[in-house]
Amino acid sequence: MIAVAYKRASERFELESPVMIEDFITGFKYNGVIYNYSADGVYLESGYAPRPGRKLRLHVNGAPDIFTIPTYLAEVRWRRSLPENTAPYAFGFGLKYC
């Protein structure tokens, strides 16, 4: 595991772990992959593009030694479209734990 050095409140760590994203309001579920995490939140990619402010439940499918509970509530802080043919998913977004 490698720490990512940025000017952030919490140190981020690289990771690749599958996740199920559940929209808190609709209950619809989407697949995604977490690529880094910190004590405050995660960065993940998915085909789902939630708007900033939207609340999501993250159901972590892997890395049980890192994610101590299987479900997290988080809020979308930002999102962006990913360049076509460079990533397996169309959108990347940052989440902050609630």
C-alpha atoms as a PDB file:
ATOM      1  CA  MET A   1       0.000   0.000   0.000  1.00  0.00           C
ATOM      2  CA  ILE A   2       1.410   3.402  -1.007  1.00  0.00           C
ATOM      3  CA  ALA A   3       0.553   6.704   0.642  1.00  0.00           C
ATOM      4  CA  VAL A   4      -0.352   9.452  -1.830  1.00  0.00           C
ATOM      5  CA  ALA A   5       1.281  12.785  -0.944  1.00  0.00           C
ATOM      6  CA  TYR A   6      -1.173  15.661  -1.483  1.00  0.00           C
ATOM      7  CA  LYS A   7      -2.135  18.673   0.570  1.00  0.00           C
ATOM      8  CA  ARG A   8      -5.089  17.035   2.277  1.00  0.00           C
ATOM      9  CA  ALA A   9      -6.487  16.814   5.782  1.00  0.00           C
ATOM     10  CA  SER A  10      -5.893  13.045   5.850  1.00  0.00           C
ATOM     11  CA  GLU A  11      -3.287  10.878   4.198  1.00  0.00           C
ATOM     12  CA  ARG A  12      -4.614   8.899   1.207  1.00  0.00           C
ATOM     13  CA  PHE A  13      -3.678   5.333   0.403  1.00  0.00           C
ATOM     14  CA  GLU A  14      -3.862   3.616  -2.971  1.00  0.00           C
ATOM     15  CA  LEU A  15      -6.060   0.563  -3.230  1.00  0.00           C
ATOM     16  CA  GLU A  16      -8.133  -1.231  -5.840  1.00  0.00           C
ATOM     17  CA  SER A  17     -11.255  -2.771  -4.341  1.00  0.00           C
ATOM     18  CA  PRO A  18     -14.685  -3.531  -5.825  1.00  0.00           C
ATOM     19  CA  VAL A  19     -17.624  -1.678  -4.295  1.00  0.00           C
ATOM     20  CA  MET A  20     -21.393  -1.657  -4.683  1.00  0.00           C
ATOM     21  CA  ILE A  21     -22.758   1.893  -4.673  1.00  0.00           C
ATOM     22  CA  GLU A  22     -26.334   2.311  -3.439  1.00  0.00           C
ATOM     23  CA  ASP A  23     -28.153   5.584  -3.992  1.00  0.00           C
ATOM     24  CA  PHE A  24     -29.502   6.582  -0.568  1.00  0.00           C
ATOM     25  CA  ILE A  25     -32.754   8.025  -1.987  1.00  0.00           C
ATOM     26  CA  THR A  26     -33.676   5.632  -4.809  1.00  0.00           C
ATOM     27  CA  GLY A  27     -32.065   2.443  -3.507  1.00  0.00           C
ATOM     28  CA  PHE A  28     -30.652   1.697  -6.981  1.00  0.00           C
ATOM     29  CA  LYS A  29     -27.298  -0.109  -6.932  1.00  0.00           C
ATOM     30  CA  TYR A  30     -24.289   0.323  -9.201  1.00  0.00           C
ATOM     31  CA  ASN A  31     -20.873  -1.330  -9.475  1.00  0.00           C
ATOM     32  CA  GLY A  32     -17.654   0.573  -9.019  1.00  0.00           C
ATOM     33  CA  VAL A  33     -14.042   0.383  -7.904  1.00  0.00           C
ATOM     34  CA  ILE A  34     -12.383   2.253  -5.034  1.00  0.00           C
ATOM     35  CA  TYR A  35      -8.916   3.469  -6.065  1.00  0.00           C
ATOM     36  CA  ASN A  36      -7.839   5.336  -2.945  1.00  0.00           C
ATOM     37  CA  TYR A  37      -9.101   6.031   0.548  1.00  0.00           C
ATOM     38  CA  SER A  38      -8.378   8.047   3.678  1.00  0.00           C
ATOM     39  CA  ALA A  39      -9.834   8.502   7.139  1.00  0.00           C
ATOM     40  CA  ASP A  40     -12.201  11.105   5.624  1.00  0.00           C
ATOM     41  CA  GLY A  41     -13.361   9.536   2.355  1.00  0.00           C
ATOM     42  CA  VAL A  42     -12.662   7.654  -0.859  1.00  0.00           C
ATOM     43  CA  TYR A  43     -12.102   8.175  -4.577  1.00  0.00           C
ATOM     44  CA  LEU A  44     -13.916   5.729  -6.811  1.00  0.00           C
ATOM     45  CA  GLU A  45     -14.928   5.188 -10.405  1.00  0.00           C
ATOM     46  CA  SER A  46     -18.255   3.932 -11.728  1.00  0.00           C
ATOM     47  CA  GLY A  47     -20.660   4.131 -14.621  1.00  0.00           C
ATOM     48  CA  TYR A  48     -23.019   5.981 -12.244  1.00  0.00           C
ATOM     49  CA  ALA A  49     -22.665   9.776 -12.068  1.00  0.00           C
ATOM     50  CA  PRO A  50     -24.191  11.051  -8.810  1.00  0.00           C
ATOM     51  CA  ARG A  51     -24.354  14.810  -8.346  1.00  0.00           C
ATOM     52  CA  PRO A  52     -22.372  16.545  -5.591  1.00  0.00           C
ATOM     53  CA  GLY A  53     -24.345  16.520  -2.352  1.00  0.00           C
ATOM     54  CA  ARG A  54     -25.957  13.148  -3.085  1.00  0.00           C
ATOM     55  CA  LYS A  55     -25.733  10.606  -0.263  1.00  0.00           C
ATOM     56  CA  LEU A  56     -24.637   7.069  -1.082  1.00  0.00           C
ATOM     57  CA  ARG A  57     -24.123   3.807   0.758  1.00  0.00           C
ATOM     58  CA  LEU A  58     -20.910   2.000  -0.103  1.00  0.00           C
ATOM     59  CA  HIS A  59     -20.953  -1.767   0.233  1.00  0.00           C
ATOM     60  CA  VAL A  60     -17.281  -2.756   0.197  1.00  0.00           C
ATOM     61  CA  ASN A  61     -16.701  -6.187  -1.334  1.00  0.00           C
ATOM     62  CA  GLY A  62     -12.967  -6.483  -0.738  1.00  0.00           C
ATOM     63  CA  ALA A  63     -10.085  -5.455   1.524  1.00  0.00           C
ATOM     64  CA  PRO A  64     -11.650  -6.564   4.843  1.00  0.00           C
ATOM     65  CA  ASP A  65      -8.400  -5.733   6.647  1.00  0.00           C
ATOM     66  CA  ILE A  66      -8.793  -2.053   5.673  1.00  0.00           C
ATOM     67  CA  PHE A  67     -12.559  -1.494   5.667  1.00  0.00           C
ATOM     68  CA  THR A  68     -13.618  -2.675   9.109  1.00  0.00           C
ATOM     69  CA  ILE A  69     -17.350  -2.492   8.427  1.00  0.00           C
ATOM     70  CA  PRO A  70     -19.006  -3.622   5.174  1.00  0.00           C
ATOM     71  CA  THR A  71     -21.223  -0.534   4.626  1.00  0.00           C
ATOM     72  CA  TYR A  72     -20.390   3.187   4.741  1.00  0.00           C
ATOM     73  CA  LEU A  73     -22.571   6.276   4.294  1.00  0.00           C
ATOM     74  CA  ALA A  74     -20.868   9.003   2.275  1.00  0.00           C
ATOM     75  CA  GLU A  75     -21.674  12.240   0.443  1.00  0.00           C
ATOM     76  CA  VAL A  76     -20.499  13.064  -3.079  1.00  0.00           C
ATOM     77  CA  ARG A  77     -18.140  16.062  -2.930  1.00  0.00           C
ATOM     78  CA  TRP A  78     -17.213  16.237  -6.627  1.00  0.00           C
ATOM     79  CA  ARG A  79     -17.447  14.238  -9.859  1.00  0.00           C
ATOM     80  CA  ARG A  80     -15.826  14.276 -13.279  1.00  0.00           C
ATOM     81  CA  SER A  81     -16.116  12.472 -16.589  1.00  0.00           C
ATOM     82  CA  LEU A  82     -13.171  10.225 -17.365  1.00  0.00           C
ATOM     83  CA  PRO A  83     -11.523  10.179 -20.795  1.00  0.00           C
ATOM     84  CA  GLU A  84     -12.975   7.493 -23.036  1.00  0.00           C
ATOM     85  CA  ASN A  85     -10.792   4.380 -23.491  1.00  0.00           C
ATOM     86  CA  THR A  86      -8.517   5.247 -20.549  1.00  0.00           C
ATOM     87  CA  ALA A  87     -10.598   3.938 -17.651  1.00  0.00           C
ATOM     88  CA  PRO A  88     -12.983   1.013 -17.193  1.00  0.00           C
ATOM     89  CA  TYR A  89     -15.744   3.380 -16.006  1.00  0.00           C
ATOM     90  CA  ALA A  90     -17.090   6.685 -17.344  1.00  0.00           C
ATOM     91  CA  PHE A  91     -17.035   8.740 -14.103  1.00  0.00           C
ATOM     92  CA  GLY A  92     -14.760   9.372 -11.140  1.00  0.00           C
ATOM     93  CA  PHE A  93     -15.920  10.989  -7.930  1.00  0.00           C
ATOM     94  CA  GLY A  94     -14.788  11.872  -4.448  1.00  0.00           C
ATOM     95  CA  LEU A  95     -16.838  10.966  -1.403  1.00  0.00           C
ATOM     96  CA  LYS A  96     -16.636  12.185   2.173  1.00  0.00           C
ATOM     97  CA  TYR A  97     -17.859   9.868   4.920  1.00  0.00           C
ATOM     98  CA  CYS A  98     -20.960  11.084   6.797  1.00  0.00           C
END
